[in-house]
Structure formats: structure tokens, C-alpha cells
Amino acid sequence: MTKLLLIAGRPSHGPGAHEYRAGMLLLARCLEAVPGLGVDVHDEGWVSSDDALEAASAVAIFADGGARHPLLEADHLATISTLVDERSLGLGLMHFAVELPEGDGAERVDSWIGGHYHVQVSCNPIWEARIGQIPEHPVARGISPFARTDEWYVNIQFDDTAADGPGSPGRTGHITPILVATPSKSARQGPYVYPHGPYPHIVAASGRCETLMWVFERHDGGRGFGLTGGHFHSNWENRALRTAVLNALVWIAGVEVPADGVSSTLTTEDLSRDLDPTP
């Protein structure tokens, strides 16, 4: 049985936003029928025991980033680094968790998933992304074009040692964009969630498409992905977005993605389960 660990961060926002625990539990339920895959969910920002990591083929983190990133606490960065080196552990980072301050953590994450959010180089407006063209890739199976409003990050910094840009081969791996959209001029002009902006270099890139979700194939055989959306819990009701993330979770664990993508259904009740207590 291939083991996938889903790590949910501590509560950090009001109701319906950054519902890390509810989101990971929802995704775990959607993965229950995938043959050969076992999924464990851990909350409060890390695994309950290091023993859980010993059996894992892949880890995905949905949590606050920046200085509060789970990888930057205690010896977590060194632990994941060892597992990547020893057995090519798969790694996925979702929403805020793609943001790391510049330094060793960001450099290692670039080598594991291909890129990261760099404060005041990247930005975080809330805007409607219209996803049109879908690539040929196992993670894209079963996805159809869709539009969704979320806190989609813009101008992710892709490691120039990993690739010359999304879709290009590099020395440490290969990035494939999965979800791509072009922000409106008004989205580029702000306000951003923080700092509010606008940033001249973001405005100057008007008309450029942005990679909102990507996968990374490392030369050591390991796999990673980054998702910039995921701010609003209600967006998991969108089948295409949900399928893209479910596919990515299966893929980083090394399990075959079904020909039509991971199938799942949700009810309104499913979306309201396990939400963080209202402050």
C-alpha cells in the first residue's frame, strides 16, 4: 500500500478561508477509492509522529507559509530533505504553503517542487481565473476548462536551475504548468491581499498568462506540485479544480492517475464538515 500524508496547518483565518484541516479531510475522503493508496491526515501543522513519515511515499502541506511555514519549524526542513535524498519523497505545497522567505528553505523547495512565492516579487490578488487550455499530462486527466474566483497568486518565481520557465527542462527537473490563466488589468493593479500594491513590475506584465498550478518531475525520479489557489473552502465544490488537486496528490505518491482522473462527488453537507470553530 502506497502511503500519502496530508498535513493541515493550524487555523489562521475566519470561516470559509484557509480551512486547512477541513480541506485535507475532504480531499482524503475523495481519495478513499483510489486502488493501492492509503491516506493519512495530520493537523496542527505537522505529523503526529515521525514514524508516520518513515512509511510515506509523498507528503502534501496545506498551511500558512512565510515565516510560519511548517517546514521552517524545528528540524522539519532537514527531515524532509533527508527523505527526498534517500527515497525521492514526493512533495506538494498548497496555497499559502508555496510562500517561503528567501533563504535555504526557499532554495530547497525550488529543487523539490520547482518554484515558490516570493514576497513583493509575487503578489496575491483575489480574481477570477478563466482556465482554458488543458495540457497533456496525467495530472490533467479529467479536467475541463473552468472559471473560479480565488486568491490566485501571480508571478511565482520558478527556479532557474530547475527550468528556464514553465515547460522547460532544466538541471534539476522539469516543470509542467497544469492550470494557467491571464489576470485582468484590474487584478494586476491591486489591491493585493498583502501588501496591497500595486507593484510596477506586476502591472507592466499586463496580458501575460500566469501559472497557477504546476507539477515538477525531478531528475532523481521524485515528483512535486504547487497550487496557488485554495483560499476559499467553497472552491472545492468545483469538479475541475478538485480533480486537478486529487490527480496531483495521487501522482506525487507514484500511483497511476485514472484515465479520466480521480472521480469524486461532493454534497453541500460534505463542504460544511470539519470546519474550524468560528472565533
Protein backbone atom coordinates (compact mmCIF):
# COMPACT_ATOMS: atom_id res chain seq x y z
CA MET A 1 0.00 0.00 0.00
CA THR A 2 1.42 3.39 -1.03
CA LYS A 3 1.15 5.92 1.78
CA LEU A 4 0.27 9.60 1.25
CA LEU A 5 0.39 12.04 4.17
CA LEU A 6 -1.76 15.17 4.11
CA ILE A 7 -0.60 17.82 6.60
CA ALA A 8 -3.04 20.58 7.53
CA GLY A 9 -1.92 23.80 9.16
CA ARG A 10 -3.32 25.48 12.23
CA PRO A 11 -6.39 27.74 11.89
CA SER A 12 -5.41 31.22 10.69
CA HIS A 13 -8.46 32.89 9.09
CA GLY A 14 -12.16 33.41 9.60
CA PRO A 15 -14.83 30.95 8.50
CA GLY A 16 -14.55 29.64 4.95
CA ALA A 17 -10.94 30.70 4.32
CA HIS A 18 -7.74 28.78 4.98
CA GLU A 19 -9.79 25.80 6.09
CA TYR A 20 -6.71 23.63 6.04
CA ARG A 21 -8.00 20.78 8.17
CA ALA A 22 -11.43 20.63 6.55
CA GLY A 23 -9.87 20.81 3.11
CA MET A 24 -7.43 17.98 3.71
CA LEU A 25 -10.09 15.77 5.29
CA LEU A 26 -12.35 16.44 2.30
CA LEU A 27 -9.58 15.51 -0.15
CA ALA A 28 -8.75 12.39 1.85
CA ARG A 29 -12.37 11.21 1.61
CA CYS A 30 -12.28 11.78 -2.14
CA LEU A 31 -9.18 9.56 -2.39
CA GLU A 32 -10.59 6.61 -0.46
CA ALA A 33 -11.47 4.63 -3.59
CA VAL A 34 -8.08 5.00 -5.31
CA PRO A 35 -6.61 1.48 -5.51
CA GLY A 36 -3.33 0.92 -3.74
CA LEU A 37 -3.31 4.29 -1.97
CA GLY A 38 -3.60 4.86 1.76
CA VAL A 39 -4.12 8.42 3.00
CA ASP A 40 -3.47 9.77 6.49
CA VAL A 41 -4.38 13.31 7.58
CA HIS A 42 -2.40 15.14 10.25
CA ASP A 43 -3.31 18.59 11.57
CA GLU A 44 -1.72 21.35 13.65
CA GLY A 45 0.99 21.80 11.05
CA TRP A 46 2.93 18.55 11.21
CA VAL A 47 2.71 14.78 11.58
CA SER A 48 1.73 13.43 14.97
CA SER A 49 4.79 11.18 14.98
CA ASP A 50 7.93 10.95 12.88
CA ASP A 51 7.09 7.28 12.45
CA ALA A 52 4.37 8.35 10.01
CA LEU A 53 6.99 9.87 7.72
CA GLU A 54 9.01 6.67 7.61
CA ALA A 55 6.25 4.91 5.66
CA ALA A 56 5.32 7.82 3.39
CA SER A 57 5.85 7.96 -0.36
CA ALA A 58 4.60 11.55 -0.54
CA VAL A 59 3.64 14.47 1.68
CA ALA A 60 1.35 17.41 0.86
CA ILE A 61 1.15 20.52 3.03
CA PHE A 62 -1.82 22.93 3.11
CA ALA A 63 -0.90 25.53 5.71
CA ASP A 64 0.30 29.05 6.37
CA GLY A 65 3.60 29.92 4.76
CA GLY A 66 6.16 32.67 5.17
CA ALA A 67 7.99 32.67 8.48
CA ARG A 68 5.29 30.36 9.95
CA HIS A 69 5.82 27.67 7.33
CA PRO A 70 5.73 24.15 8.83
CA LEU A 71 8.95 23.27 7.00
CA LEU A 72 10.76 26.05 8.87
CA GLU A 73 9.78 24.83 12.32
CA ALA A 74 12.04 22.63 14.46
CA ASP A 75 14.03 20.22 12.25
CA HIS A 76 11.28 19.70 9.66
CA LEU A 77 13.26 21.04 6.70
CA ALA A 78 16.16 18.72 7.42
CA THR A 79 13.79 15.78 7.91
CA ILE A 80 12.08 16.27 4.54
CA SER A 81 15.44 16.90 2.87
CA THR A 82 16.72 13.56 4.12
CA LEU A 83 13.63 11.73 2.86
CA VAL A 84 13.91 13.42 -0.54
CA ASP A 85 17.58 12.41 -0.81
CA GLU A 86 17.12 8.86 0.47
CA ARG A 87 13.95 7.80 -1.32
CA SER A 88 12.82 10.63 -3.61
CA LEU A 89 9.85 11.59 -1.43
CA GLY A 90 7.07 13.35 -3.35
CA LEU A 91 6.03 16.78 -2.09
CA GLY A 92 3.03 19.04 -2.72
CA LEU A 93 2.54 22.56 -1.37
CA MET A 94 -0.86 24.21 -1.49
CA HIS A 95 -1.86 27.88 -1.39
CA PHE A 96 -0.04 29.87 1.34
CA ALA A 97 2.39 26.95 1.77
CA VAL A 98 4.05 27.82 -1.57
CA GLU A 99 5.34 31.02 0.09
CA LEU A 100 8.72 30.86 1.79
CA PRO A 101 11.09 33.64 2.82
CA GLU A 102 14.28 33.79 0.81
CA GLY A 103 16.99 31.50 2.12
CA ASP A 104 17.74 27.81 2.48
CA GLY A 105 14.07 26.82 2.79
CA ALA A 106 13.07 28.51 -0.46
CA GLU A 107 16.08 27.09 -2.29
CA ARG A 108 15.30 23.56 -1.19
CA VAL A 109 11.62 23.91 -2.05
CA ASP A 110 12.59 25.14 -5.53
CA SER A 111 14.59 21.94 -6.01
CA TRP A 112 11.67 19.83 -4.75
CA ILE A 113 8.65 21.42 -6.46
CA GLY A 114 10.22 23.84 -8.96
CA GLY A 115 9.34 27.26 -7.56
CA HIS A 116 7.84 29.36 -4.77
CA TYR A 117 6.02 32.61 -3.92
CA HIS A 118 8.48 35.45 -3.24
CA VAL A 119 7.00 38.31 -1.20
CA GLN A 120 6.69 41.59 -3.17
CA VAL A 121 8.01 39.89 -6.29
CA SER A 122 4.99 37.63 -6.48
CA CYS A 123 1.59 39.04 -5.44
CA ASN A 124 -1.78 37.72 -4.25
CA PRO A 125 -4.86 39.42 -5.71
CA ILE A 126 -8.31 37.87 -5.48
CA TRP A 127 -9.53 37.47 -9.07
CA GLU A 128 -11.48 35.22 -11.40
CA ALA A 129 -9.15 32.88 -13.25
CA ARG A 130 -10.50 31.52 -16.51
CA ILE A 131 -8.74 28.24 -17.18
CA GLY A 132 -8.92 27.40 -20.88
CA GLN A 133 -6.28 25.18 -22.44
CA ILE A 134 -5.60 21.93 -20.59
CA PRO A 135 -2.19 20.23 -21.13
CA GLU A 136 -1.41 16.61 -21.88
CA HIS A 137 -0.26 15.24 -18.54
CA PRO A 138 -1.51 12.58 -16.11
CA VAL A 139 -2.39 15.29 -13.57
CA ALA A 140 -4.59 16.99 -16.19
CA ARG A 141 -6.73 13.89 -16.84
CA GLY A 142 -10.44 14.54 -16.48
CA ILE A 143 -10.07 18.32 -16.16
CA SER A 144 -12.24 20.57 -18.30
CA PRO A 145 -12.00 24.38 -18.71
CA PHE A 146 -13.48 26.33 -15.81
CA ALA A 147 -13.56 29.76 -14.18
CA ARG A 148 -13.21 30.38 -10.46
CA THR A 149 -12.55 33.33 -8.16
CA ASP A 150 -9.83 32.70 -5.62
CA GLU A 151 -6.69 34.24 -4.20
CA TRP A 152 -4.67 33.07 -7.18
CA TYR A 153 -1.03 34.06 -6.81
CA VAL A 154 0.72 35.89 -9.63
CA ASN A 155 4.38 35.87 -10.74
CA ILE A 156 5.52 32.70 -8.99
CA GLN A 157 9.31 32.51 -9.09
CA PHE A 158 10.39 29.36 -10.85
CA ASP A 159 13.90 28.18 -10.07
CA ASP A 160 16.20 28.99 -13.00
CA THR A 161 18.21 25.86 -12.21
CA ALA A 162 15.03 23.82 -12.48
CA ALA A 163 13.81 25.32 -15.73
CA ASP A 164 14.19 28.35 -17.95
CA GLY A 165 10.49 28.84 -17.42
CA PRO A 166 7.39 26.71 -17.01
CA GLY A 167 7.51 23.89 -19.53
CA SER A 168 11.28 23.96 -20.00
CA PRO A 169 13.77 21.24 -18.98
CA GLY A 170 16.45 22.23 -16.50
CA ARG A 171 19.31 20.82 -14.46
CA THR A 172 17.20 19.66 -11.50
CA GLY A 173 13.89 18.82 -13.12
CA HIS A 174 11.08 19.73 -15.46
CA ILE A 175 8.08 21.98 -14.76
CA THR A 176 4.73 21.45 -16.47
CA PRO A 177 2.01 24.09 -15.96
CA ILE A 178 -1.38 22.48 -15.24
CA LEU A 179 -3.65 25.49 -14.61
CA VAL A 180 -2.85 28.71 -16.48
CA ALA A 181 -4.86 31.94 -16.79
CA THR A 182 -4.36 35.60 -17.66
CA PRO A 183 -5.20 38.11 -14.90
CA SER A 184 -7.25 41.14 -15.86
CA LYS A 185 -5.60 44.57 -15.81
CA SER A 186 -7.61 45.44 -12.72
CA ALA A 187 -6.34 42.34 -10.92
CA ARG A 188 -2.76 43.35 -11.68
CA GLN A 189 -3.42 46.90 -10.43
CA GLY A 190 -4.49 45.70 -7.00
CA PRO A 191 -5.36 45.72 -4.29
CA TYR A 192 -3.40 42.61 -3.41
CA VAL A 193 -4.19 40.86 -0.16
CA TYR A 194 -0.83 41.92 1.33
CA PRO A 195 0.99 44.24 0.78
CA HIS A 196 -1.75 46.00 -1.17
CA GLY A 197 0.34 47.24 -4.09
CA PRO A 198 0.21 47.85 -6.96
CA TYR A 199 3.71 46.68 -7.87
CA PRO A 200 5.02 48.31 -11.06
CA HIS A 201 6.52 45.07 -12.42
CA ILE A 202 3.20 43.23 -11.97
CA VAL A 203 1.26 45.99 -13.75
CA ALA A 204 3.86 46.13 -16.54
CA ALA A 205 3.28 42.42 -17.26
CA SER A 206 -0.36 43.07 -18.25
CA GLY A 207 -1.58 40.49 -20.75
CA ARG A 208 0.86 37.80 -19.65
CA CYS A 209 -0.56 34.44 -18.61
CA GLU A 210 0.31 33.09 -15.17
CA THR A 211 0.93 29.56 -13.94
CA LEU A 212 -1.49 28.90 -11.07
CA MET A 213 -0.76 25.20 -10.59
CA TRP A 214 2.20 23.21 -11.80
CA VAL A 215 3.88 19.84 -11.45
CA PHE A 216 7.59 19.13 -11.22
CA GLU A 217 9.47 15.98 -12.22
CA ARG A 218 12.83 15.84 -10.52
CA HIS A 219 15.78 14.14 -12.18
CA ASP A 220 16.06 11.84 -9.14
CA GLY A 221 12.63 10.45 -10.01
CA GLY A 222 10.80 12.39 -7.31
CA ARG A 223 7.71 14.44 -8.02
CA GLY A 224 6.25 17.66 -6.69
CA PHE A 225 3.47 20.15 -7.31
CA GLY A 226 2.44 23.65 -6.31
CA LEU A 227 -1.08 25.09 -6.13
CA THR A 228 -1.53 28.84 -5.68
CA GLY A 229 -5.33 28.77 -5.13
CA GLY A 230 -7.20 27.18 -2.25
CA HIS A 231 -8.01 30.25 -0.18
CA PHE A 232 -11.79 29.74 -0.25
CA HIS A 233 -13.03 26.39 1.02
CA SER A 234 -16.14 26.61 -1.16
CA ASN A 235 -13.99 26.26 -4.28
CA TRP A 236 -13.54 22.55 -3.61
CA GLU A 237 -17.07 22.16 -4.98
CA ASN A 238 -15.65 22.87 -8.46
CA ARG A 239 -15.09 19.46 -10.00
CA ALA A 240 -12.27 20.50 -12.34
CA LEU A 241 -10.21 22.18 -9.63
CA ARG A 242 -10.84 19.34 -7.22
CA THR A 243 -9.87 16.75 -9.83
CA ALA A 244 -6.64 18.57 -10.64
CA VAL A 245 -5.57 18.51 -6.99
CA LEU A 246 -6.67 14.92 -6.40
CA ASN A 247 -4.76 13.83 -9.50
CA ALA A 248 -1.67 15.69 -8.30
CA LEU A 249 -1.82 14.03 -4.88
CA VAL A 250 -2.04 10.59 -6.47
CA TRP A 251 0.72 11.42 -8.95
CA ILE A 252 3.32 12.65 -6.41
CA ALA A 253 2.80 9.40 -4.50
CA GLY A 254 3.74 7.45 -7.63
CA VAL A 255 0.29 5.88 -8.10
CA GLU A 256 -1.22 5.76 -11.58
CA VAL A 257 -3.77 8.51 -12.20
CA PRO A 258 -7.01 7.03 -13.63
CA ALA A 259 -7.58 7.61 -17.34
CA ASP A 260 -10.42 10.05 -16.61
CA GLY A 261 -8.85 11.50 -13.48
CA VAL A 262 -9.75 10.74 -9.88
CA SER A 263 -13.53 10.56 -9.68
CA SER A 264 -15.28 12.25 -6.76
CA THR A 265 -18.61 13.71 -5.74
CA LEU A 266 -19.42 16.25 -3.05
CA THR A 267 -22.58 17.40 -1.36
CA THR A 268 -23.27 20.67 0.41
CA GLU A 269 -23.00 18.73 3.65
CA ASP A 270 -19.54 17.47 2.66
CA LEU A 271 -18.34 21.06 2.27
CA SER A 272 -19.64 22.06 5.68
CA ARG A 273 -17.93 19.22 7.58
CA ASP A 274 -14.91 19.71 9.84
CA LEU A 275 -14.76 23.50 9.52
CA ASP A 276 -12.63 25.37 12.04
CA PRO A 277 -14.57 26.76 15.01
CA THR A 278 -15.72 30.33 14.50
CA PRO A 279 -13.64 32.65 16.73
